Amino acid sequence: MTYRNTLIERSRQFESEHDEPAVLDYLQLRNRQCLYAWQMKRAEYALASVRQGSHTGNAAERPPV
């Protein structure tokens, strides 16, 4: 078997194992978008609270001058 034929056979095997995903209907698409937006807001809130905690923590750790 030549190298070209080997590549063709491997690509056929890959295509047969990895079918195209089903097309999402409108509601599924909107649901995924809403979940993604919620996750991003949650991550931003967590990051902001960590930053805010580090600012107040640094001020509390400083010795009085």
PDB file of N, CA and C in Angstrom:
ATOM      1  N   MET A   1       0.852  -1.168   0.000  1.00  0.00           N
ATOM      2  CA  MET A   1       0.000   0.000   0.000  1.00  0.00           C
ATOM      3  C   MET A   1       0.902   1.237   0.000  1.00  0.00           C
ATOM      4  N   THR A   2       0.585   2.176  -0.857  1.00  0.00           N
ATOM      5  CA  THR A   2       1.390   3.389  -0.945  1.00  0.00           C
ATOM      6  C   THR A   2       1.026   4.347   0.185  1.00  0.00           C
ATOM      7  N   TYR A   3       1.865   5.327   0.356  1.00  0.00           N
ATOM      8  CA  TYR A   3       1.636   6.331   1.397  1.00  0.00           C
ATOM      9  C   TYR A   3       0.324   7.081   1.138  1.00  0.00           C
ATOM     10  N   ARG A   4       0.081   7.399  -0.120  1.00  0.00           N
ATOM     11  CA  ARG A   4      -1.154   8.105  -0.498  1.00  0.00           C
ATOM     12  C   ARG A   4      -2.372   7.275  -0.136  1.00  0.00           C
ATOM     13  N   ASN A   5      -2.353   6.012  -0.462  1.00  0.00           N
ATOM     14  CA  ASN A   5      -3.492   5.140  -0.146  1.00  0.00           C
ATOM     15  C   ASN A   5      -3.683   4.992   1.360  1.00  0.00           C
ATOM     16  N   THR A   6      -2.581   4.958   2.087  1.00  0.00           N
ATOM     17  CA  THR A   6      -2.674   4.876   3.549  1.00  0.00           C
ATOM     18  C   THR A   6      -3.358   6.115   4.112  1.00  0.00           C
ATOM     19  N   LEU A   7      -2.969   7.295   3.609  1.00  0.00           N
ATOM     20  CA  LEU A   7      -3.603   8.524   4.058  1.00  0.00           C
ATOM     21  C   LEU A   7      -5.088   8.566   3.701  1.00  0.00           C
ATOM     22  N   ILE A   8      -5.433   8.126   2.518  1.00  0.00           N
ATOM     23  CA  ILE A   8      -6.836   8.095   2.099  1.00  0.00           C
ATOM     24  C   ILE A   8      -7.636   7.171   3.006  1.00  0.00           C
ATOM     25  N   GLU A   9      -7.092   6.015   3.315  1.00  0.00           N
ATOM     26  CA  GLU A   9      -7.793   5.065   4.177  1.00  0.00           C
ATOM     27  C   GLU A   9      -7.955   5.620   5.585  1.00  0.00           C
ATOM     28  N   ARG A  10      -6.919   6.248   6.110  1.00  0.00           N
ATOM     29  CA  ARG A  10      -7.019   6.830   7.452  1.00  0.00           C
ATOM     30  C   ARG A  10      -8.045   7.952   7.488  1.00  0.00           C
ATOM     31  N   SER A  11      -8.084   8.781   6.453  1.00  0.00           N
ATOM     32  CA  SER A  11      -9.067   9.862   6.435  1.00  0.00           C
ATOM     33  C   SER A  11     -10.485   9.307   6.344  1.00  0.00           C
ATOM     34  N   ARG A  12     -10.677   8.219   5.621  1.00  0.00           N
ATOM     35  CA  ARG A  12     -12.006   7.590   5.557  1.00  0.00           C
ATOM     36  C   ARG A  12     -12.408   7.060   6.928  1.00  0.00           C
ATOM     37  N   GLN A  13     -11.476   6.431   7.625  1.00  0.00           N
ATOM     38  CA  GLN A  13     -11.773   5.918   8.956  1.00  0.00           C
ATOM     39  C   GLN A  13     -12.124   7.064   9.905  1.00  0.00           C
ATOM     40  N   PHE A  14     -11.372   8.148   9.832  1.00  0.00           N
ATOM     41  CA  PHE A  14     -11.646   9.298  10.698  1.00  0.00           C
ATOM     42  C   PHE A  14     -13.016   9.878  10.407  1.00  0.00           C
ATOM     43  N   GLU A  15     -13.352  10.030   9.133  1.00  0.00           N
ATOM     44  CA  GLU A  15     -14.648  10.594   8.756  1.00  0.00           C
ATOM     45  C   GLU A  15     -15.798   9.703   9.201  1.00  0.00           C
ATOM     46  N   SER A  16     -15.600   8.391   9.121  1.00  0.00           N
ATOM     47  CA  SER A  16     -16.679   7.494   9.525  1.00  0.00           C
ATOM     48  C   SER A  16     -16.866   7.493  11.044  1.00  0.00           C
ATOM     49  N   GLU A  17     -15.788   7.711  11.805  1.00  0.00           N
ATOM     50  CA  GLU A  17     -15.877   7.739  13.265  1.00  0.00           C
ATOM     51  C   GLU A  17     -16.344   9.083  13.794  1.00  0.00           C
ATOM     52  N   HIS A  18     -16.100  10.157  13.062  1.00  0.00           N
ATOM     53  CA  HIS A  18     -16.429  11.507  13.519  1.00  0.00           C
ATOM     54  C   HIS A  18     -17.421  12.145  12.551  1.00  0.00           C
ATOM     55  N   ASP A  19     -18.661  11.796  12.705  1.00  0.00           N
ATOM     56  CA  ASP A  19     -19.696  12.364  11.861  1.00  0.00           C
ATOM     57  C   ASP A  19     -19.877  13.837  12.182  1.00  0.00           C
ATOM     58  N   GLU A  20     -20.469  14.568  11.239  1.00  0.00           N
ATOM     59  CA  GLU A  20     -20.756  15.970  11.473  1.00  0.00           C
ATOM     60  C   GLU A  20     -21.790  16.097  12.577  1.00  0.00           C
ATOM     61  N   PRO A  21     -21.636  17.089  13.412  1.00  0.00           N
ATOM     62  CA  PRO A  21     -22.630  17.271  14.472  1.00  0.00           C
ATOM     63  C   PRO A  21     -23.980  17.664  13.886  1.00  0.00           C
ATOM     64  N   ALA A  22     -25.023  17.299  14.587  1.00  0.00           N
ATOM     65  CA  ALA A  22     -26.359  17.649  14.135  1.00  0.00           C
ATOM     66  C   ALA A  22     -26.534  19.161  14.218  1.00  0.00           C
ATOM     67  N   VAL A  23     -27.258  19.695  13.272  1.00  0.00           N
ATOM     68  CA  VAL A  23     -27.506  21.124  13.248  1.00  0.00           C
ATOM     69  C   VAL A  23     -28.448  21.464  14.402  1.00  0.00           C
ATOM     70  N   LEU A  24     -28.097  22.507  15.149  1.00  0.00           N
ATOM     71  CA  LEU A  24     -28.915  22.908  16.285  1.00  0.00           C
ATOM     72  C   LEU A  24     -30.126  23.692  15.801  1.00  0.00           C
ATOM     73  N   ASP A  25     -31.265  23.447  16.438  1.00  0.00           N
ATOM     74  CA  ASP A  25     -32.399  24.300  16.116  1.00  0.00           C
ATOM     75  C   ASP A  25     -32.252  25.611  16.885  1.00  0.00           C
ATOM     76  N   TYR A  26     -33.138  26.539  16.633  1.00  0.00           N
ATOM     77  CA  TYR A  26     -33.007  27.876  17.198  1.00  0.00           C
ATOM     78  C   TYR A  26     -33.008  27.852  18.724  1.00  0.00           C
ATOM     79  N   LEU A  27     -33.889  27.090  19.337  1.00  0.00           N
ATOM     80  CA  LEU A  27     -33.969  27.060  20.793  1.00  0.00           C
ATOM     81  C   LEU A  27     -32.710  26.469  21.422  1.00  0.00           C
ATOM     82  N   GLN A  28     -32.170  25.422  20.827  1.00  0.00           N
ATOM     83  CA  GLN A  28     -30.936  24.837  21.346  1.00  0.00           C
ATOM     84  C   GLN A  28     -29.781  25.837  21.236  1.00  0.00           C
ATOM     85  N   LEU A  29     -29.728  26.548  20.121  1.00  0.00           N
ATOM     86  CA  LEU A  29     -28.675  27.536  19.925  1.00  0.00           C
ATOM     87  C   LEU A  29     -28.788  28.655  20.953  1.00  0.00           C
ATOM     88  N   ARG A  30     -29.999  29.187  21.157  1.00  0.00           N
ATOM     89  CA  ARG A  30     -30.198  30.256  22.137  1.00  0.00           C
ATOM     90  C   ARG A  30     -29.888  29.762  23.549  1.00  0.00           C
ATOM     91  N   ASN A  31     -30.256  28.525  23.855  1.00  0.00           N
ATOM     92  CA  ASN A  31     -29.981  27.973  25.171  1.00  0.00           C
ATOM     93  C   ASN A  31     -28.473  27.890  25.405  1.00  0.00           C
ATOM     94  N   ARG A  32     -27.731  27.438  24.422  1.00  0.00           N
ATOM     95  CA  ARG A  32     -26.268  27.366  24.564  1.00  0.00           C
ATOM     96  C   ARG A  32     -25.667  28.751  24.719  1.00  0.00           C
ATOM     97  N   GLN A  33     -26.187  29.728  23.957  1.00  0.00           N
ATOM     98  CA  GLN A  33     -25.678  31.088  24.070  1.00  0.00           C
ATOM     99  C   GLN A  33     -25.963  31.664  25.452  1.00  0.00           C
ATOM    100  N   CYS A  34     -27.150  31.417  25.972  1.00  0.00           N
ATOM    101  CA  CYS A  34     -27.513  31.908  27.304  1.00  0.00           C
ATOM    102  C   CYS A  34     -26.654  31.253  28.379  1.00  0.00           C
ATOM    103  N   LEU A  35     -26.425  29.950  28.262  1.00  0.00           N
ATOM    104  CA  LEU A  35     -25.572  29.260  29.236  1.00  0.00           C
ATOM    105  C   LEU A  35     -24.149  29.797  29.194  1.00  0.00           C
ATOM    106  N   TYR A  36     -23.653  30.046  27.994  1.00  0.00           N
ATOM    107  CA  TYR A  36     -22.305  30.578  27.854  1.00  0.00           C
ATOM    108  C   TYR A  36     -22.212  31.977  28.473  1.00  0.00           C
ATOM    109  N   ALA A  37     -23.213  32.820  28.202  1.00  0.00           N
ATOM    110  CA  ALA A  37     -23.220  34.169  28.774  1.00  0.00           C
ATOM    111  C   ALA A  37     -23.276  34.109  30.295  1.00  0.00           C
ATOM    112  N   TRP A  38     -24.076  33.204  30.837  1.00  0.00           N
ATOM    113  CA  TRP A  38     -24.173  33.057  32.288  1.00  0.00           C
ATOM    114  C   TRP A  38     -22.828  32.626  32.871  1.00  0.00           C
ATOM    115  N   GLN A  39     -22.164  31.671  32.222  1.00  0.00           N
ATOM    116  CA  GLN A  39     -20.863  31.205  32.703  1.00  0.00           C
ATOM    117  C   GLN A  39     -19.834  32.334  32.672  1.00  0.00           C
ATOM    118  N   MET A  40     -19.870  33.158  31.629  1.00  0.00           N
ATOM    119  CA  MET A  40     -18.925  34.267  31.538  1.00  0.00           C
ATOM    120  C   MET A  40     -19.183  35.297  32.638  1.00  0.00           C
ATOM    121  N   LYS A  41     -20.455  35.620  32.898  1.00  0.00           N
ATOM    122  CA  LYS A  41     -20.766  36.569  33.966  1.00  0.00           C
ATOM    123  C   LYS A  41     -20.348  36.017  35.320  1.00  0.00           C
ATOM    124  N   ARG A  42     -20.554  34.731  35.522  1.00  0.00           N
ATOM    125  CA  ARG A  42     -20.165  34.092  36.783  1.00  0.00           C
ATOM    126  C   ARG A  42     -18.648  34.151  36.969  1.00  0.00           C
ATOM    127  N   ALA A  43     -17.911  33.883  35.890  1.00  0.00           N
ATOM    128  CA  ALA A  43     -16.447  33.930  35.958  1.00  0.00           C
ATOM    129  C   ALA A  43     -15.964  35.358  36.220  1.00  0.00           C
ATOM    130  N   GLU A  44     -16.596  36.351  35.563  1.00  0.00           N
ATOM    131  CA  GLU A  44     -16.208  37.740  35.785  1.00  0.00           C
ATOM    132  C   GLU A  44     -16.493  38.153  37.229  1.00  0.00           C
ATOM    133  N   TYR A  45     -17.620  37.728  37.775  1.00  0.00           N
ATOM    134  CA  TYR A  45     -17.964  38.056  39.148  1.00  0.00           C
ATOM    135  C   TYR A  45     -16.955  37.434  40.117  1.00  0.00           C
ATOM    136  N   ALA A  46     -16.602  36.178  39.874  1.00  0.00           N
ATOM    137  CA  ALA A  46     -15.627  35.507  40.738  1.00  0.00           C
ATOM    138  C   ALA A  46     -14.274  36.207  40.663  1.00  0.00           C
ATOM    139  N   LEU A  47     -13.876  36.601  39.463  1.00  0.00           N
ATOM    140  CA  LEU A  47     -12.597  37.293  39.290  1.00  0.00           C
ATOM    141  C   LEU A  47     -12.623  38.646  39.985  1.00  0.00           C
ATOM    142  N   ALA A  48     -13.734  39.365  39.866  1.00  0.00           N
ATOM    143  CA  ALA A  48     -13.846  40.675  40.508  1.00  0.00           C
ATOM    144  C   ALA A  48     -13.821  40.528  42.026  1.00  0.00           C
ATOM    145  N   SER A  49     -14.472  39.505  42.554  1.00  0.00           N
ATOM    146  CA  SER A  49     -14.474  39.331  44.008  1.00  0.00           C
ATOM    147  C   SER A  49     -13.088  38.942  44.517  1.00  0.00           C
ATOM    148  N   VAL A  50     -12.346  38.182  43.735  1.00  0.00           N
ATOM    149  CA  VAL A  50     -10.977  37.823  44.129  1.00  0.00           C
ATOM    150  C   VAL A  50     -10.096  39.063  44.112  1.00  0.00           C
ATOM    151  N   ARG A  51     -10.255  39.887  43.072  1.00  0.00           N
ATOM    152  CA  ARG A  51      -9.461  41.116  42.996  1.00  0.00           C
ATOM    153  C   ARG A  51      -9.801  42.051  44.144  1.00  0.00           C
ATOM    154  N   GLN A  52     -11.070  42.171  44.447  1.00  0.00           N
ATOM    155  CA  GLN A  52     -11.498  43.043  45.524  1.00  0.00           C
ATOM    156  C   GLN A  52     -10.986  42.515  46.865  1.00  0.00           C
ATOM    157  N   GLY A  53     -11.014  41.218  47.038  1.00  0.00           N
ATOM    158  CA  GLY A  53     -10.503  40.618  48.271  1.00  0.00           C
ATOM    159  C   GLY A  53      -9.018  40.811  48.426  1.00  0.00           C
ATOM    160  N   SER A  54      -8.274  40.784  47.315  1.00  0.00           N
ATOM    161  CA  SER A  54      -6.827  40.958  47.403  1.00  0.00           C
ATOM    162  C   SER A  54      -6.480  42.400  47.738  1.00  0.00           C
ATOM    163  N   HIS A  55      -7.278  43.355  47.247  1.00  0.00           N
ATOM    164  CA  HIS A  55      -7.008  44.762  47.576  1.00  0.00           C
ATOM    165  C   HIS A  55      -7.250  45.025  49.055  1.00  0.00           C
ATOM    166  N   THR A  56      -8.343  44.529  49.593  1.00  0.00           N
ATOM    167  CA  THR A  56      -8.627  44.755  51.007  1.00  0.00           C
ATOM    168  C   THR A  56      -7.674  43.941  51.875  1.00  0.00           C
ATOM    169  N   GLY A  57      -7.276  42.767  51.399  1.00  0.00           N
ATOM    170  CA  GLY A  57      -6.341  41.940  52.157  1.00  0.00           C
ATOM    171  C   GLY A  57      -4.972  42.585  52.254  1.00  0.00           C
ATOM    172  N   ASN A  58      -4.527  43.214  51.179  1.00  0.00           N
ATOM    173  CA  ASN A  58      -3.224  43.873  51.205  1.00  0.00           C
ATOM    174  C   ASN A  58      -3.215  45.055  52.169  1.00  0.00           C
ATOM    175  N   ALA A  59      -4.298  45.792  52.188  1.00  0.00           N
ATOM    176  CA  ALA A  59      -4.359  46.961  53.083  1.00  0.00           C
ATOM    177  C   ALA A  59      -4.368  46.513  54.537  1.00  0.00           C
ATOM    178  N   ALA A  60      -5.035  45.396  54.821  1.00  0.00           N
ATOM    179  CA  ALA A  60      -5.111  44.902  56.200  1.00  0.00           C
ATOM    180  C   ALA A  60      -3.766  44.338  56.662  1.00  0.00           C
ATOM    181  N   GLU A  61      -2.968  43.844  55.733  1.00  0.00           N
ATOM    182  CA  GLU A  61      -1.684  43.231  56.090  1.00  0.00           C
ATOM    183  C   GLU A  61      -0.583  44.251  56.279  1.00  0.00           C
ATOM    184  N   ARG A  62      -0.785  45.483  55.802  1.00  0.00           N
ATOM    185  CA  ARG A  62       0.266  46.494  55.920  1.00  0.00           C
ATOM    186  C   ARG A  62       0.393  46.951  57.375  1.00  0.00           C
ATOM    187  N   PRO A  63       1.599  47.096  57.835  1.00  0.00           N
ATOM    188  CA  PRO A  63       1.773  47.603  59.200  1.00  0.00           C
ATOM    189  C   PRO A  63       1.488  49.107  59.229  1.00  0.00           C
ATOM    190  N   PRO A  64       0.974  49.604  60.324  1.00  0.00           N
ATOM    191  CA  PRO A  64       0.713  51.046  60.404  1.00  0.00           C
ATOM    192  C   PRO A  64       2.025  51.829  60.418  1.00  0.00           C
ATOM    193  N   VAL A  65       2.000  52.955  59.768  1.00  0.00           N
ATOM    194  CA  VAL A  65       3.223  53.769  59.655  1.00  0.00           C
ATOM    195  C   VAL A  65       3.209  54.911  60.633  1.00  0.00           C
TER     196      VAL A  65
END
